[in-house]
C-alpha atoms as a PDB file:
ATOM      1  CA  MET A   1      85.453 111.635  56.320  1.00  0.00           C
ATOM      2  CA  TYR A   2      88.683 109.742  55.813  1.00  0.00           C
ATOM      3  CA  GLY A   3      92.343 110.331  55.291  1.00  0.00           C
ATOM      4  CA  ALA A   4      93.992 108.637  52.293  1.00  0.00           C
ATOM      5  CA  LEU A   5      97.686 108.365  51.562  1.00  0.00           C
ATOM      6  CA  VAL A   6      98.227 108.995  47.871  1.00  0.00           C
ATOM      7  CA  ASN A   7     101.800 109.267  46.366  1.00  0.00           C
ATOM      8  CA  ASP A   8     103.238 109.844  49.853  1.00  0.00           C
ATOM      9  CA  ARG A   9     100.806 112.666  50.671  1.00  0.00           C
ATOM     10  CA  TRP A  10      97.738 112.710  52.881  1.00  0.00           C
ATOM     11  CA  TYR A  11      94.401 113.916  51.535  1.00  0.00           C
ATOM     12  CA  ARG A  12      90.822 114.204  52.974  1.00  0.00           C
ATOM     13  CA  ALA A  13      88.633 111.651  51.155  1.00  0.00           C
ATOM     14  CA  GLU A  14      85.119 110.381  50.808  1.00  0.00           C
ATOM     15  CA  ILE A  15      84.528 106.700  49.966  1.00  0.00           C
ATOM     16  CA  LYS A  16      82.559 106.299  46.680  1.00  0.00           C
ATOM     17  CA  ASN A  17      82.800 102.457  46.132  1.00  0.00           C
ATOM     18  CA  LYS A  18      84.207  99.546  48.158  1.00  0.00           C
ATOM     19  CA  PHE A  19      85.653  96.498  46.613  1.00  0.00           C
ATOM     20  CA  LYS A  20      87.212  93.320  48.209  1.00  0.00           C
ATOM     21  CA  SER A  21      90.743  94.744  48.507  1.00  0.00           C
ATOM     22  CA  SER A  22      90.479  98.379  47.490  1.00  0.00           C
ATOM     23  CA  MET A  23      88.038 101.298  47.133  1.00  0.00           C
ATOM     24  CA  ASP A  24      87.355 104.291  44.995  1.00  0.00           C
ATOM     25  CA  ILE A  25      87.612 107.621  46.785  1.00  0.00           C
ATOM     26  CA  MET A  26      87.089 111.209  45.976  1.00  0.00           C
ATOM     27  CA  LEU A  27      89.721 113.690  47.171  1.00  0.00           C
ATOM     28  CA  VAL A  28      87.372 116.363  48.556  1.00  0.00           C
ATOM     29  CA  ASP A  29      89.885 119.194  48.589  1.00  0.00           C
ATOM     30  CA  MET A  30      91.100 118.460  45.041  1.00  0.00           C
ATOM     31  CA  GLY A  31      87.758 118.305  43.242  1.00  0.00           C
ATOM     32  CA  SER A  32      85.987 115.352  41.756  1.00  0.00           C
ATOM     33  CA  THR A  33      89.088 113.203  41.306  1.00  0.00           C
ATOM     34  CA  VAL A  34      88.159 109.547  41.961  1.00  0.00           C
ATOM     35  CA  ILE A  35      91.085 107.217  42.567  1.00  0.00           C
ATOM     36  CA  ASN A  36      91.552 103.674  43.719  1.00  0.00           C
ATOM     37  CA  VAL A  37      93.320 103.085  47.113  1.00  0.00           C
ATOM     38  CA  GLU A  38      93.815 100.097  49.444  1.00  0.00           C
ATOM     39  CA  ASN A  39      93.627 101.904  52.859  1.00  0.00           C
ATOM     40  CA  VAL A  40      91.919 104.855  54.315  1.00  0.00           C
ATOM     41  CA  TYR A  41      91.843 106.102  57.864  1.00  0.00           C
ATOM     42  CA  GLU A  42      88.957 107.693  59.769  1.00  0.00           C
ATOM     43  CA  LEU A  43      89.730 111.387  60.604  1.00  0.00           C
ATOM     44  CA  PRO A  44      89.232 112.879  63.991  1.00  0.00           C
ATOM     45  CA  LYS A  45      85.982 114.930  64.220  1.00  0.00           C
ATOM     46  CA  HIS A  46      87.747 118.301  64.330  1.00  0.00           C
ATOM     47  CA  LEU A  47      89.236 117.601  60.881  1.00  0.00           C
ATOM     48  CA  GLU A  48      86.021 116.268  59.512  1.00  0.00           C
ATOM     49  CA  ASN A  49      84.147 119.557  60.060  1.00  0.00           C
ATOM     50  CA  ILE A  50      86.498 121.716  58.016  1.00  0.00           C
ATOM     51  CA  LYS A  51      84.842 123.027  54.850  1.00  0.00           C
ATOM     52  CA  TYR A  52      86.018 121.631  51.496  1.00  0.00           C
ATOM     53  CA  LEU A  53      88.608 123.697  49.747  1.00  0.00           C
ATOM     54  CA  THR A  54      86.859 123.199  46.414  1.00  0.00           C
ATOM     55  CA  LEU A  55      83.550 124.577  45.087  1.00  0.00           C
ATOM     56  CA  ARG A  56      81.232 122.867  42.721  1.00  0.00           C
ATOM     57  CA  CYS A  57      80.890 125.076  39.686  1.00  0.00           C
ATOM     58  CA  SER A  58      79.049 125.024  36.370  1.00  0.00           C
ATOM     59  CA  LEU A  59      79.295 127.010  33.150  1.00  0.00           C
ATOM     60  CA  GLY A  60      75.593 126.350  32.693  1.00  0.00           C
ATOM     61  CA  LEU A  61      76.031 124.630  29.312  1.00  0.00           C
ATOM     62  CA  ASP A  62      73.806 121.772  28.275  1.00  0.00           C
ATOM     63  CA  GLN A  63      76.236 118.839  27.941  1.00  0.00           C
ATOM     64  CA  LYS A  64      73.868 117.247  25.316  1.00  0.00           C
ATOM     65  CA  TYR A  65      74.844 119.995  22.923  1.00  0.00           C
ATOM     66  CA  PHE A  66      78.265 121.332  24.033  1.00  0.00           C
ATOM     67  CA  SER A  67      81.333 119.225  24.674  1.00  0.00           C
ATOM     68  CA  LEU A  68      83.847 120.364  27.248  1.00  0.00           C
ATOM     69  CA  TYR A  69      86.500 119.144  24.890  1.00  0.00           C
ATOM     70  CA  LYS A  70      87.126 122.747  23.765  1.00  0.00           C
ATOM     71  CA  LEU A  71      87.540 123.825  27.366  1.00  0.00           C
ATOM     72  CA  LYS A  72      90.033 121.110  27.977  1.00  0.00           C
ATOM     73  CA  GLU A  73      91.790 122.118  24.725  1.00  0.00           C
ATOM     74  CA  ILE A  74      92.373 125.722  25.780  1.00  0.00           C
ATOM     75  CA  CYS A  75      93.441 124.777  29.358  1.00  0.00           C
ATOM     76  CA  ASN A  76      97.029 124.107  30.237  1.00  0.00           C
ATOM     77  CA  SER A  77      99.158 124.871  33.215  1.00  0.00           C
ATOM     78  CA  LYS A  78      99.708 128.427  32.104  1.00  0.00           C
ATOM     79  CA  THR A  79      96.081 129.371  31.174  1.00  0.00           C
ATOM     80  CA  GLU A  80      94.777 132.080  33.528  1.00  0.00           C
ATOM     81  CA  PHE A  81      91.010 132.649  33.589  1.00  0.00           C
ATOM     82  CA  MET A  82      88.991 135.396  35.260  1.00  0.00           C
ATOM     83  CA  MET A  83      85.984 133.884  37.032  1.00  0.00           C
ATOM     84  CA  ILE A  84      82.783 135.662  37.905  1.00  0.00           C
ATOM     85  CA  LEU A  85      80.263 134.057  40.198  1.00  0.00           C
ATOM     86  CA  PHE A  86      76.741 134.658  38.856  1.00  0.00           C
ATOM     87  CA  GLU A  87      74.633 132.475  41.104  1.00  0.00           C
ATOM     88  CA  ASN A  88      75.602 131.131  44.510  1.00  0.00           C
ATOM     89  CA  ASN A  89      74.129 127.644  44.888  1.00  0.00           C
ATOM     90  CA  ASN A  90      75.746 125.152  47.253  1.00  0.00           C
ATOM     91  CA  VAL A  91      73.374 122.372  46.275  1.00  0.00           C
ATOM     92  CA  ASP A  92      73.737 122.129  42.410  1.00  0.00           C
ATOM     93  CA  GLY A  93      76.948 124.105  42.104  1.00  0.00           C
ATOM     94  CA  HIS A  94      77.779 127.746  41.568  1.00  0.00           C
ATOM     95  CA  LEU A  95      76.905 129.172  38.162  1.00  0.00           C
ATOM     96  CA  ILE A  96      80.045 130.928  36.895  1.00  0.00           C
ATOM     97  CA  ARG A  97      81.448 132.659  33.864  1.00  0.00           C
ATOM     98  CA  LEU A  98      85.024 132.238  32.861  1.00  0.00           C
ATOM     99  CA  PHE A  99      86.870 134.835  30.763  1.00  0.00           C
ATOM    100  CA  LEU A 100      90.011 134.289  28.741  1.00  0.00           C
ATOM    101  CA  ASN A 101      91.552 137.413  27.279  1.00  0.00           C
ATOM    102  CA  ASP A 102      88.228 139.281  27.819  1.00  0.00           C
ATOM    103  CA  GLU A 103      86.276 136.631  25.886  1.00  0.00           C
ATOM    104  CA  ASP A 104      83.524 134.629  27.630  1.00  0.00           C
ATOM    105  CA  VAL A 105      84.721 130.978  27.569  1.00  0.00           C
ATOM    106  CA  THR A 106      81.142 129.734  26.973  1.00  0.00           C
ATOM    107  CA  THR A 107      81.242 131.690  23.719  1.00  0.00           C
ATOM    108  CA  ILE A 108      84.484 129.938  22.755  1.00  0.00           C
ATOM    109  CA  ILE A 109      83.052 126.522  23.571  1.00  0.00           C
ATOM    110  CA  LYS A 110      79.906 127.235  21.597  1.00  0.00           C
ATOM    111  CA  LYS A 111      81.800 128.156  18.444  1.00  0.00           C
ATOM    112  CA  ASP A 112      81.504 125.240  16.129  1.00  0.00           C
END
């Protein structure tokens, strides 16, 4: 586990790819954001063992048939969803349902 300085803020990071003068990292407490940085610093062990602040989640939709474009379309900084966890699985991600104004978001996404 490493620390990375991004826009004058420190984040916990995992290295995804190394290049000659930079690397791609994932900000583990922010989700799956991968960014390119020049320097990372190894974290002390006591910071390394803190659980991530994010959870891997899935709506359970087959990406071959349903695009997440509609989900992105209905999301903005003011969108508030209610989330229900259906299946707890730390390996593949938690199966969740999101609701927007009492409507299941998967139903919204599946609408043509």
